[in-house]
Amino acid sequence: VRQGYQVQVYDEFVIRGNTAVLRCQVPSIVRDYVIVTTWEREDGVTIVSNVAN
């Protein structure tokens, strides 16, 4: 069965100068099969995960 899904990242509040941790929310139906390897920002910057190594 093929079923579409969307991965979400929710906004976090952080005070300037501190570190924010953003978590990728993957639906439970596919969580066991998905590994997040990169993040792409709206400005075109790509961030590569340590998991990809």
Protein backbone atom coordinates (compact mmCIF):
# COMPACT_ATOMS: atom_id res chain seq x y z
CA VAL A 1 0.00 0.00 0.00
CA ARG A 2 1.41 3.38 -0.97
CA GLN A 3 0.49 6.29 1.22
CA GLY A 4 1.77 9.84 1.07
CA TYR A 5 3.19 11.56 4.12
CA GLN A 6 4.68 14.89 5.11
CA VAL A 7 7.58 15.58 7.42
CA GLN A 8 7.13 18.64 9.67
CA VAL A 9 9.42 20.95 11.60
CA TYR A 10 7.69 23.14 14.15
CA ASP A 11 8.76 26.66 15.11
CA GLU A 12 10.78 26.95 18.30
CA PHE A 13 11.35 30.02 20.47
CA VAL A 14 14.96 30.78 21.32
CA ILE A 15 16.71 33.82 22.73
CA ARG A 16 19.28 35.33 20.38
CA GLY A 17 22.75 33.93 21.04
CA ASN A 18 21.45 30.58 22.32
CA THR A 19 21.15 27.29 20.47
CA ALA A 20 17.84 26.02 19.09
CA VAL A 21 17.25 22.33 18.46
CA LEU A 22 14.82 21.63 15.64
CA ARG A 23 13.41 18.13 15.38
CA CYS A 24 12.05 16.59 12.25
CA GLN A 25 8.59 15.17 12.99
CA VAL A 26 8.12 12.05 10.87
CA PRO A 27 4.70 10.32 10.91
CA SER A 28 4.68 7.07 12.88
CA ILE A 29 3.56 5.04 9.83
CA VAL A 30 6.96 5.59 8.16
CA ARG A 31 9.23 6.45 11.10
CA ASP A 32 10.98 3.05 11.02
CA TYR A 33 11.88 3.53 7.34
CA VAL A 34 13.02 7.18 7.23
CA ILE A 35 16.43 8.65 8.03
CA VAL A 36 16.87 12.42 7.83
CA THR A 37 20.20 13.09 6.12
CA THR A 38 19.91 16.75 5.06
CA TRP A 39 17.96 19.90 5.84
CA GLU A 40 17.29 22.51 3.17
CA ARG A 41 16.60 26.09 4.23
CA GLU A 42 14.37 28.43 2.26
CA ASP A 43 17.43 30.52 1.34
CA GLY A 44 19.03 27.52 -0.43
CA VAL A 45 21.53 26.52 2.28
CA THR A 46 21.84 22.74 2.75
CA ILE A 47 22.77 21.33 6.17
CA VAL A 48 24.11 17.76 6.18
CA SER A 49 23.42 15.46 9.14
CA ASN A 50 26.10 13.42 10.93
CA VAL A 51 23.89 10.38 10.27
CA ALA A 52 24.76 10.66 6.57
CA ASN A 53 28.43 9.82 7.27
